[in-house]
């Protein structure tokens, strides 16, 4: 895992990163940043595939 471009606090606190399908975001183990990522996605792209399934 490359840590190039991370801020100092990110270098020490980042445990892992991964691409995940959006339907799986609510059931991932551990902490996801930002904590309400699905709501952020819905606010940024209301017509995304989650339309009607999430509350922004």
C-alpha atoms as a PDB file:
ATOM      1  CA  UNK A   1       0.000   0.000   0.000  1.00  0.00           C
ATOM      2  CA  UNK A   2       1.504   3.323  -1.057  1.00  0.00           C
ATOM      3  CA  UNK A   3       1.406   6.130   1.473  1.00  0.00           C
ATOM      4  CA  UNK A   4       2.646   8.774  -0.983  1.00  0.00           C
ATOM      5  CA  UNK A   5       0.716  12.014  -0.646  1.00  0.00           C
ATOM      6  CA  UNK A   6      -0.813  11.282   2.757  1.00  0.00           C
ATOM      7  CA  UNK A   7      -0.832  13.890   5.502  1.00  0.00           C
ATOM      8  CA  UNK A   8       1.240  13.065   8.611  1.00  0.00           C
ATOM      9  CA  UNK A   9      -1.789  12.054  10.692  1.00  0.00           C
ATOM     10  CA  UNK A  10      -3.057   9.920   7.809  1.00  0.00           C
ATOM     11  CA  UNK A  11       0.286   8.105   7.581  1.00  0.00           C
ATOM     12  CA  UNK A  12       0.005   6.997  11.203  1.00  0.00           C
ATOM     13  CA  UNK A  13      -3.720   6.242  11.351  1.00  0.00           C
ATOM     14  CA  UNK A  14      -4.476   4.631   7.958  1.00  0.00           C
ATOM     15  CA  UNK A  15      -4.783   0.889   8.412  1.00  0.00           C
ATOM     16  CA  UNK A  16      -5.949  -0.096   4.932  1.00  0.00           C
ATOM     17  CA  UNK A  17      -7.898   1.004   1.924  1.00  0.00           C
ATOM     18  CA  UNK A  18      -9.935  -0.899  -0.624  1.00  0.00           C
ATOM     19  CA  UNK A  19     -12.389  -0.437  -3.450  1.00  0.00           C
ATOM     20  CA  UNK A  20     -15.811  -1.715  -2.472  1.00  0.00           C
ATOM     21  CA  UNK A  21     -19.149  -1.837  -4.281  1.00  0.00           C
ATOM     22  CA  UNK A  22     -21.447   0.842  -2.890  1.00  0.00           C
ATOM     23  CA  UNK A  23     -24.075  -1.661  -1.627  1.00  0.00           C
ATOM     24  CA  UNK A  24     -21.384  -3.192   0.610  1.00  0.00           C
ATOM     25  CA  UNK A  25     -20.289   0.073   2.254  1.00  0.00           C
ATOM     26  CA  UNK A  26     -22.771  -0.212   5.107  1.00  0.00           C
ATOM     27  CA  UNK A  27     -21.586  -3.684   6.058  1.00  0.00           C
ATOM     28  CA  UNK A  28     -17.803  -3.295   5.880  1.00  0.00           C
ATOM     29  CA  UNK A  29     -15.922  -4.314   9.011  1.00  0.00           C
ATOM     30  CA  UNK A  30     -14.072  -1.615  10.899  1.00  0.00           C
ATOM     31  CA  UNK A  31     -14.228   2.123  10.480  1.00  0.00           C
ATOM     32  CA  UNK A  32     -15.071   3.764   7.151  1.00  0.00           C
ATOM     33  CA  UNK A  33     -14.157   7.395   6.491  1.00  0.00           C
ATOM     34  CA  UNK A  34     -16.126   9.520   6.316  1.00  0.00           C
ATOM     35  CA  UNK A  35     -18.423   7.715   8.771  1.00  0.00           C
ATOM     36  CA  UNK A  36     -21.584   8.500   6.757  1.00  0.00           C
ATOM     37  CA  UNK A  37     -20.091   7.798   3.340  1.00  0.00           C
ATOM     38  CA  UNK A  38     -23.364   6.606   1.809  1.00  0.00           C
ATOM     39  CA  UNK A  39     -25.059   9.879   2.758  1.00  0.00           C
ATOM     40  CA  UNK A  40     -22.135  11.824   1.283  1.00  0.00           C
ATOM     41  CA  UNK A  41     -22.449   9.886  -1.977  1.00  0.00           C
ATOM     42  CA  UNK A  42     -26.186  10.517  -2.102  1.00  0.00           C
ATOM     43  CA  UNK A  43     -25.643  14.255  -1.530  1.00  0.00           C
ATOM     44  CA  UNK A  44     -22.930  14.486  -4.188  1.00  0.00           C
ATOM     45  CA  UNK A  45     -24.700  12.399  -6.799  1.00  0.00           C
ATOM     46  CA  UNK A  46     -28.417  12.202  -5.999  1.00  0.00           C
ATOM     47  CA  UNK A  47     -29.173  10.401  -9.276  1.00  0.00           C
ATOM     48  CA  UNK A  48     -26.583   7.693  -8.594  1.00  0.00           C
ATOM     49  CA  UNK A  49     -27.487   4.005  -8.371  1.00  0.00           C
ATOM     50  CA  UNK A  50     -28.459   4.503  -4.712  1.00  0.00           C
ATOM     51  CA  UNK A  51     -31.297   6.909  -5.662  1.00  0.00           C
ATOM     52  CA  UNK A  52     -34.390   6.076  -3.633  1.00  0.00           C
ATOM     53  CA  UNK A  53     -32.466   3.703  -1.370  1.00  0.00           C
ATOM     54  CA  UNK A  54     -30.650   6.233   0.822  1.00  0.00           C
ATOM     55  CA  UNK A  55     -31.495   9.401   2.683  1.00  0.00           C
ATOM     56  CA  UNK A  56     -28.879  12.139   2.129  1.00  0.00           C
END
